[in-house]
Amino acid sequence: MNQQKRARRSFSADFKAQMVKLYQQGKSRSELVKQYDLTPSALDRWINQSSKSGSFKTKDNRTPEENELIALRKELK
């Protein structure tokens, strides 16, 4: 396999919210992925983040265990 690695892209919170809204209104995952050249995993992550916390920020979607682990690691430094 000689595939080139896709360059990492970033999307605004507004764009992510728009993609989630389109999905919730009935547009299929595959349609959104093809039409907007997204990765399926990114779209799934946005949908999950939106349903959990309503935020697309990683820190807002951490579990209590993840937050505890981060705090413990900071104490060790």
PDB file of N, CA and C in Angstrom:
ATOM      1  N   MET A   1       0.833  -1.176   0.000  1.00  0.00           N
ATOM      2  CA  MET A   1       0.000   0.000   0.000  1.00  0.00           C
ATOM      3  C   MET A   1       0.880   1.243   0.000  1.00  0.00           C
ATOM      4  N   ASN A   2       0.678   2.063  -0.968  1.00  0.00           N
ATOM      5  CA  ASN A   2       1.483   3.267  -1.098  1.00  0.00           C
ATOM      6  C   ASN A   2       0.588   4.495  -1.003  1.00  0.00           C
ATOM      7  N   GLN A   3      -0.198   4.560   0.069  1.00  0.00           N
ATOM      8  CA  GLN A   3      -1.093   5.686   0.241  1.00  0.00           C
ATOM      9  C   GLN A   3      -0.379   6.799   0.986  1.00  0.00           C
ATOM     10  N   GLN A   4      -0.632   8.022   0.557  1.00  0.00           N
ATOM     11  CA  GLN A   4      -0.050   9.155   1.254  1.00  0.00           C
ATOM     12  C   GLN A   4      -0.899   9.468   2.476  1.00  0.00           C
ATOM     13  N   LYS A   5      -0.230   9.898   3.525  1.00  0.00           N
ATOM     14  CA  LYS A   5      -0.925  10.245   4.747  1.00  0.00           C
ATOM     15  C   LYS A   5      -1.668  11.562   4.541  1.00  0.00           C
ATOM     16  N   ARG A   6      -2.921  11.597   4.967  1.00  0.00           N
ATOM     17  CA  ARG A   6      -3.740  12.789   4.837  1.00  0.00           C
ATOM     18  C   ARG A   6      -3.258  13.849   5.824  1.00  0.00           C
ATOM     19  N   ALA A   7      -3.156  15.078   5.359  1.00  0.00           N
ATOM     20  CA  ALA A   7      -2.739  16.176   6.227  1.00  0.00           C
ATOM     21  C   ALA A   7      -3.808  16.418   7.291  1.00  0.00           C
ATOM     22  N   ARG A   8      -3.364  16.662   8.508  1.00  0.00           N
ATOM     23  CA  ARG A   8      -4.291  16.897   9.610  1.00  0.00           C
ATOM     24  C   ARG A   8      -4.994  18.237   9.390  1.00  0.00           C
ATOM     25  N   ARG A   9      -6.295  18.185   9.471  1.00  0.00           N
ATOM     26  CA  ARG A   9      -7.089  19.396   9.289  1.00  0.00           C
ATOM     27  C   ARG A   9      -7.799  19.728  10.589  1.00  0.00           C
ATOM     28  N   SER A  10      -8.158  20.977  10.753  1.00  0.00           N
ATOM     29  CA  SER A  10      -8.942  21.362  11.924  1.00  0.00           C
ATOM     30  C   SER A  10     -10.226  22.022  11.434  1.00  0.00           C
ATOM     31  N   PHE A  11     -11.270  21.821  12.207  1.00  0.00           N
ATOM     32  CA  PHE A  11     -12.581  22.335  11.845  1.00  0.00           C
ATOM     33  C   PHE A  11     -13.118  23.180  12.993  1.00  0.00           C
ATOM     34  N   SER A  12     -13.847  24.215  12.659  1.00  0.00           N
ATOM     35  CA  SER A  12     -14.411  25.087  13.689  1.00  0.00           C
ATOM     36  C   SER A  12     -15.551  24.370  14.408  1.00  0.00           C
ATOM     37  N   ALA A  13     -15.852  24.845  15.604  1.00  0.00           N
ATOM     38  CA  ALA A  13     -16.961  24.279  16.371  1.00  0.00           C
ATOM     39  C   ALA A  13     -18.273  24.460  15.607  1.00  0.00           C
ATOM     40  N   ASP A  14     -18.411  25.569  14.893  1.00  0.00           N
ATOM     41  CA  ASP A  14     -19.628  25.811  14.110  1.00  0.00           C
ATOM     42  C   ASP A  14     -19.786  24.772  13.000  1.00  0.00           C
ATOM     43  N   PHE A  15     -18.688  24.456  12.329  1.00  0.00           N
ATOM     44  CA  PHE A  15     -18.738  23.455  11.264  1.00  0.00           C
ATOM     45  C   PHE A  15     -19.114  22.092  11.837  1.00  0.00           C
ATOM     46  N   LYS A  16     -18.493  21.723  12.952  1.00  0.00           N
ATOM     47  CA  LYS A  16     -18.797  20.437  13.586  1.00  0.00           C
ATOM     48  C   LYS A  16     -20.266  20.372  13.993  1.00  0.00           C
ATOM     49  N   ALA A  17     -20.763  21.458  14.582  1.00  0.00           N
ATOM     50  CA  ALA A  17     -22.167  21.504  14.995  1.00  0.00           C
ATOM     51  C   ALA A  17     -23.092  21.374  13.788  1.00  0.00           C
ATOM     52  N   GLN A  18     -22.711  21.985  12.681  1.00  0.00           N
ATOM     53  CA  GLN A  18     -23.513  21.896  11.464  1.00  0.00           C
ATOM     54  C   GLN A  18     -23.549  20.460  10.945  1.00  0.00           C
ATOM     55  N   MET A  19     -22.422  19.757  10.985  1.00  0.00           N
ATOM     56  CA  MET A  19     -22.369  18.359  10.538  1.00  0.00           C
ATOM     57  C   MET A  19     -23.234  17.471  11.436  1.00  0.00           C
ATOM     58  N   VAL A  20     -23.173  17.702  12.744  1.00  0.00           N
ATOM     59  CA  VAL A  20     -23.991  16.928  13.688  1.00  0.00           C
ATOM     60  C   VAL A  20     -25.470  17.200  13.432  1.00  0.00           C
ATOM     61  N   LYS A  21     -25.804  18.460  13.193  1.00  0.00           N
ATOM     62  CA  LYS A  21     -27.202  18.824  12.938  1.00  0.00           C
ATOM     63  C   LYS A  21     -27.712  18.146  11.661  1.00  0.00           C
ATOM     64  N   LEU A  22     -26.910  18.153  10.609  1.00  0.00           N
ATOM     65  CA  LEU A  22     -27.307  17.486   9.364  1.00  0.00           C
ATOM     66  C   LEU A  22     -27.528  15.992   9.599  1.00  0.00           C
ATOM     67  N   TYR A  23     -26.646  15.388  10.388  1.00  0.00           N
ATOM     68  CA  TYR A  23     -26.783  13.962  10.709  1.00  0.00           C
ATOM     69  C   TYR A  23     -28.081  13.720  11.487  1.00  0.00           C
ATOM     70  N   GLN A  24     -28.365  14.568  12.459  1.00  0.00           N
ATOM     71  CA  GLN A  24     -29.573  14.415  13.272  1.00  0.00           C
ATOM     72  C   GLN A  24     -30.839  14.650  12.458  1.00  0.00           C
ATOM     73  N   GLN A  25     -30.728  15.418  11.389  1.00  0.00           N
ATOM     74  CA  GLN A  25     -31.875  15.686  10.528  1.00  0.00           C
ATOM     75  C   GLN A  25     -32.085  14.592   9.489  1.00  0.00           C
ATOM     76  N   GLY A  26     -31.239  13.555   9.518  1.00  0.00           N
ATOM     77  CA  GLY A  26     -31.472  12.414   8.655  1.00  0.00           C
ATOM     78  C   GLY A  26     -30.463  12.166   7.555  1.00  0.00           C
ATOM     79  N   LYS A  27     -29.504  13.043   7.396  1.00  0.00           N
ATOM     80  CA  LYS A  27     -28.477  12.810   6.375  1.00  0.00           C
ATOM     81  C   LYS A  27     -27.588  11.661   6.855  1.00  0.00           C
ATOM     82  N   SER A  28     -27.277  10.733   5.982  1.00  0.00           N
ATOM     83  CA  SER A  28     -26.498   9.559   6.390  1.00  0.00           C
ATOM     84  C   SER A  28     -25.035   9.917   6.626  1.00  0.00           C
ATOM     85  N   ARG A  29     -24.392   9.114   7.467  1.00  0.00           N
ATOM     86  CA  ARG A  29     -22.967   9.301   7.742  1.00  0.00           C
ATOM     87  C   ARG A  29     -22.166   9.266   6.447  1.00  0.00           C
ATOM     88  N   SER A  30     -22.451   8.263   5.622  1.00  0.00           N
ATOM     89  CA  SER A  30     -21.668   8.104   4.390  1.00  0.00           C
ATOM     90  C   SER A  30     -21.834   9.302   3.460  1.00  0.00           C
ATOM     91  N   GLU A  31     -23.036   9.861   3.399  1.00  0.00           N
ATOM     92  CA  GLU A  31     -23.253  11.054   2.568  1.00  0.00           C
ATOM     93  C   GLU A  31     -22.414  12.231   3.075  1.00  0.00           C
ATOM     94  N   LEU A  32     -22.439  12.443   4.393  1.00  0.00           N
ATOM     95  CA  LEU A  32     -21.680  13.550   4.973  1.00  0.00           C
ATOM     96  C   LEU A  32     -20.183  13.368   4.767  1.00  0.00           C
ATOM     97  N   VAL A  33     -19.709  12.142   4.969  1.00  0.00           N
ATOM     98  CA  VAL A  33     -18.285  11.851   4.809  1.00  0.00           C
ATOM     99  C   VAL A  33     -17.839  12.133   3.380  1.00  0.00           C
ATOM    100  N   LYS A  34     -18.624  11.682   2.413  1.00  0.00           N
ATOM    101  CA  LYS A  34     -18.265  11.894   1.005  1.00  0.00           C
ATOM    102  C   LYS A  34     -18.392  13.362   0.599  1.00  0.00           C
ATOM    103  N   GLN A  35     -19.526  13.970   0.953  1.00  0.00           N
ATOM    104  CA  GLN A  35     -19.799  15.332   0.511  1.00  0.00           C
ATOM    105  C   GLN A  35     -18.809  16.351   1.085  1.00  0.00           C
ATOM    106  N   TYR A  36     -18.413  16.163   2.341  1.00  0.00           N
ATOM    107  CA  TYR A  36     -17.541  17.140   2.995  1.00  0.00           C
ATOM    108  C   TYR A  36     -16.109  16.633   3.185  1.00  0.00           C
ATOM    109  N   ASP A  37     -15.788  15.501   2.571  1.00  0.00           N
ATOM    110  CA  ASP A  37     -14.444  14.919   2.619  1.00  0.00           C
ATOM    111  C   ASP A  37     -13.940  14.774   4.059  1.00  0.00           C
ATOM    112  N   LEU A  38     -14.762  14.122   4.890  1.00  0.00           N
ATOM    113  CA  LEU A  38     -14.432  13.890   6.291  1.00  0.00           C
ATOM    114  C   LEU A  38     -13.986  12.452   6.489  1.00  0.00           C
ATOM    115  N   THR A  39     -13.381  12.191   7.628  1.00  0.00           N
ATOM    116  CA  THR A  39     -13.114  10.802   7.993  1.00  0.00           C
ATOM    117  C   THR A  39     -14.299  10.329   8.830  1.00  0.00           C
ATOM    118  N   PRO A  40     -14.696   9.078   8.660  1.00  0.00           N
ATOM    119  CA  PRO A  40     -15.823   8.560   9.448  1.00  0.00           C
ATOM    120  C   PRO A  40     -15.575   8.674  10.953  1.00  0.00           C
ATOM    121  N   SER A  41     -14.339   8.460  11.375  1.00  0.00           N
ATOM    122  CA  SER A  41     -14.044   8.518  12.813  1.00  0.00           C
ATOM    123  C   SER A  41     -14.218   9.937  13.365  1.00  0.00           C
ATOM    124  N   ALA A  42     -13.863  10.941  12.585  1.00  0.00           N
ATOM    125  CA  ALA A  42     -14.034  12.324  13.038  1.00  0.00           C
ATOM    126  C   ALA A  42     -15.514  12.647  13.199  1.00  0.00           C
ATOM    127  N   LEU A  43     -16.315  12.273  12.222  1.00  0.00           N
ATOM    128  CA  LEU A  43     -17.749  12.534  12.301  1.00  0.00           C
ATOM    129  C   LEU A  43     -18.362  11.808  13.492  1.00  0.00           C
ATOM    130  N   ASP A  44     -17.998  10.554  13.694  1.00  0.00           N
ATOM    131  CA  ASP A  44     -18.512   9.794  14.842  1.00  0.00           C
ATOM    132  C   ASP A  44     -18.122  10.461  16.159  1.00  0.00           C
ATOM    133  N   ARG A  45     -16.888  10.934  16.247  1.00  0.00           N
ATOM    134  CA  ARG A  45     -16.413  11.592  17.468  1.00  0.00           C
ATOM    135  C   ARG A  45     -17.228  12.862  17.731  1.00  0.00           C
ATOM    136  N   TRP A  46     -17.491  13.648  16.683  1.00  0.00           N
ATOM    137  CA  TRP A  46     -18.270  14.868  16.863  1.00  0.00           C
ATOM    138  C   TRP A  46     -19.688  14.556  17.328  1.00  0.00           C
ATOM    139  N   ILE A  47     -20.291  13.531  16.759  1.00  0.00           N
ATOM    140  CA  ILE A  47     -21.648  13.142  17.143  1.00  0.00           C
ATOM    141  C   ILE A  47     -21.664  12.716  18.608  1.00  0.00           C
ATOM    142  N   ASN A  48     -20.688  11.901  19.014  1.00  0.00           N
ATOM    143  CA  ASN A  48     -20.610  11.447  20.405  1.00  0.00           C
ATOM    144  C   ASN A  48     -20.348  12.603  21.361  1.00  0.00           C
ATOM    145  N   GLN A  49     -19.434  13.483  21.004  1.00  0.00           N
ATOM    146  CA  GLN A  49     -19.124  14.623  21.865  1.00  0.00           C
ATOM    147  C   GLN A  49     -20.338  15.527  22.019  1.00  0.00           C
ATOM    148  N   SER A  50     -21.050  15.737  20.938  1.00  0.00           N
ATOM    149  CA  SER A  50     -22.224  16.596  20.972  1.00  0.00           C
ATOM    150  C   SER A  50     -23.305  16.014  21.871  1.00  0.00           C
ATOM    151  N   SER A  51     -23.489  14.703  21.813  1.00  0.00           N
ATOM    152  CA  SER A  51     -24.534  14.083  22.627  1.00  0.00           C
ATOM    153  C   SER A  51     -24.136  13.990  24.099  1.00  0.00           C
ATOM    154  N   LYS A  52     -22.833  13.860  24.389  1.00  0.00           N
ATOM    155  CA  LYS A  52     -22.375  13.745  25.782  1.00  0.00           C
ATOM    156  C   LYS A  52     -22.393  15.081  26.509  1.00  0.00           C
ATOM    157  N   SER A  53     -21.732  16.064  25.934  1.00  0.00           N
ATOM    158  CA  SER A  53     -21.546  17.322  26.659  1.00  0.00           C
ATOM    159  C   SER A  53     -22.019  18.556  25.898  1.00  0.00           C
ATOM    160  N   GLY A  54     -22.286  18.386  24.626  1.00  0.00           N
ATOM    161  CA  GLY A  54     -22.644  19.541  23.816  1.00  0.00           C
ATOM    162  C   GLY A  54     -21.437  20.372  23.412  1.00  0.00           C
ATOM    163  N   SER A  55     -20.250  19.883  23.765  1.00  0.00           N
ATOM    164  CA  SER A  55     -19.012  20.600  23.475  1.00  0.00           C
ATOM    165  C   SER A  55     -18.096  19.718  22.642  1.00  0.00           C
ATOM    166  N   PHE A  56     -17.284  20.345  21.812  1.00  0.00           N
ATOM    167  CA  PHE A  56     -16.338  19.600  20.984  1.00  0.00           C
ATOM    168  C   PHE A  56     -14.922  19.660  21.562  1.00  0.00           C
ATOM    169  N   LYS A  57     -14.766  20.264  22.728  1.00  0.00           N
ATOM    170  CA  LYS A  57     -13.453  20.351  23.365  1.00  0.00           C
ATOM    171  C   LYS A  57     -13.157  19.050  24.097  1.00  0.00           C
ATOM    172  N   THR A  58     -11.953  18.562  23.948  1.00  0.00           N
ATOM    173  CA  THR A  58     -11.549  17.297  24.564  1.00  0.00           C
ATOM    174  C   THR A  58     -11.720  17.335  26.072  1.00  0.00           C
ATOM    175  N   LYS A  59     -11.319  18.431  26.699  1.00  0.00           N
ATOM    176  CA  LYS A  59     -11.381  18.497  28.162  1.00  0.00           C
ATOM    177  C   LYS A  59     -12.818  18.433  28.681  1.00  0.00           C
ATOM    178  N   ASP A  60     -13.775  18.874  27.897  1.00  0.00           N
ATOM    179  CA  ASP A  60     -15.176  18.817  28.314  1.00  0.00           C
ATOM    180  C   ASP A  60     -15.766  17.418  28.174  1.00  0.00           C
ATOM    181  N   ASN A  61     -15.082  16.536  27.476  1.00  0.00           N
ATOM    182  CA  ASN A  61     -15.595  15.197  27.217  1.00  0.00           C
ATOM    183  C   ASN A  61     -14.803  14.105  27.928  1.00  0.00           C
ATOM    184  N   ARG A  62     -13.954  14.487  28.871  1.00  0.00           N
ATOM    185  CA  ARG A  62     -13.183  13.497  29.624  1.00  0.00           C
ATOM    186  C   ARG A  62     -14.048  12.857  30.698  1.00  0.00           C
ATOM    187  N   THR A  63     -13.748  11.601  30.984  1.00  0.00           N
ATOM    188  CA  THR A  63     -14.425  10.904  32.077  1.00  0.00           C
ATOM    189  C   THR A  63     -13.798  11.363  33.396  1.00  0.00           C
ATOM    190  N   PRO A  64     -14.497  11.159  34.509  1.00  0.00           N
ATOM    191  CA  PRO A  64     -13.900  11.497  35.808  1.00  0.00           C
ATOM    192  C   PRO A  64     -12.569  10.771  36.041  1.00  0.00           C
ATOM    193  N   GLU A  65     -12.479   9.539  35.561  1.00  0.00           N
ATOM    194  CA  GLU A  65     -11.245   8.768  35.713  1.00  0.00           C
ATOM    195  C   GLU A  65     -10.093   9.415  34.943  1.00  0.00           C
ATOM    196  N   GLU A  66     -10.384   9.897  33.735  1.00  0.00           N
ATOM    197  CA  GLU A  66      -9.347  10.560  32.942  1.00  0.00           C
ATOM    198  C   GLU A  66      -8.875  11.839  33.632  1.00  0.00           C
ATOM    199  N   ASN A  67      -9.827  12.594  34.195  1.00  0.00           N
ATOM    200  CA  ASN A  67      -9.460  13.820  34.910  1.00  0.00           C
ATOM    201  C   ASN A  67      -8.607  13.507  36.132  1.00  0.00           C
ATOM    202  N   GLU A  68      -8.958  12.436  36.849  1.00  0.00           N
ATOM    203  CA  GLU A  68      -8.186  12.037  38.021  1.00  0.00           C
ATOM    204  C   GLU A  68      -6.764  11.635  37.624  1.00  0.00           C
ATOM    205  N   LEU A  69      -6.641  10.887  36.550  1.00  0.00           N
ATOM    206  CA  LEU A  69      -5.329  10.458  36.078  1.00  0.00           C
ATOM    207  C   LEU A  69      -4.458  11.656  35.697  1.00  0.00           C
ATOM    208  N   ILE A  70      -5.032  12.620  35.042  1.00  0.00           N
ATOM    209  CA  ILE A  70      -4.296  13.833  34.661  1.00  0.00           C
ATOM    210  C   ILE A  70      -3.827  14.572  35.910  1.00  0.00           C
ATOM    211  N   ALA A  71      -4.710  14.684  36.913  1.00  0.00           N
ATOM    212  CA  ALA A  71      -4.347  15.363  38.159  1.00  0.00           C
ATOM    213  C   ALA A  71      -3.216  14.628  38.874  1.00  0.00           C
ATOM    214  N   LEU A  72      -3.287  13.305  38.915  1.00  0.00           N
ATOM    215  CA  LEU A  72      -2.243  12.519  39.571  1.00  0.00           C
ATOM    216  C   LEU A  72      -0.903  12.661  38.853  1.00  0.00           C
ATOM    217  N   ARG A  73      -0.937  12.688  37.544  1.00  0.00           N
ATOM    218  CA  ARG A  73       0.302  12.854  36.778  1.00  0.00           C
ATOM    219  C   ARG A  73       0.928  14.222  37.034  1.00  0.00           C
ATOM    220  N   LYS A  74       0.086  15.246  37.193  1.00  0.00           N
ATOM    221  CA  LYS A  74       0.598  16.585  37.484  1.00  0.00           C
ATOM    222  C   LYS A  74       1.265  16.617  38.856  1.00  0.00           C
ATOM    223  N   GLU A  75       0.698  15.862  39.814  1.00  0.00           N
ATOM    224  CA  GLU A  75       1.273  15.809  41.160  1.00  0.00           C
ATOM    225  C   GLU A  75       2.664  15.190  41.142  1.00  0.00           C
ATOM    226  N   LEU A  76       2.886  14.240  40.252  1.00  0.00           N
ATOM    227  CA  LEU A  76       4.173  13.557  40.180  1.00  0.00           C
ATOM    228  C   LEU A  76       5.278  14.441  39.616  1.00  0.00           C
ATOM    229  N   LYS A  77       4.918  15.451  38.877  1.00  0.00           N
ATOM    230  CA  LYS A  77       5.921  16.323  38.234  1.00  0.00           C
ATOM    231  C   LYS A  77       6.481  17.339  39.194  1.00  0.00           C
TER     232      LYS A  77
END
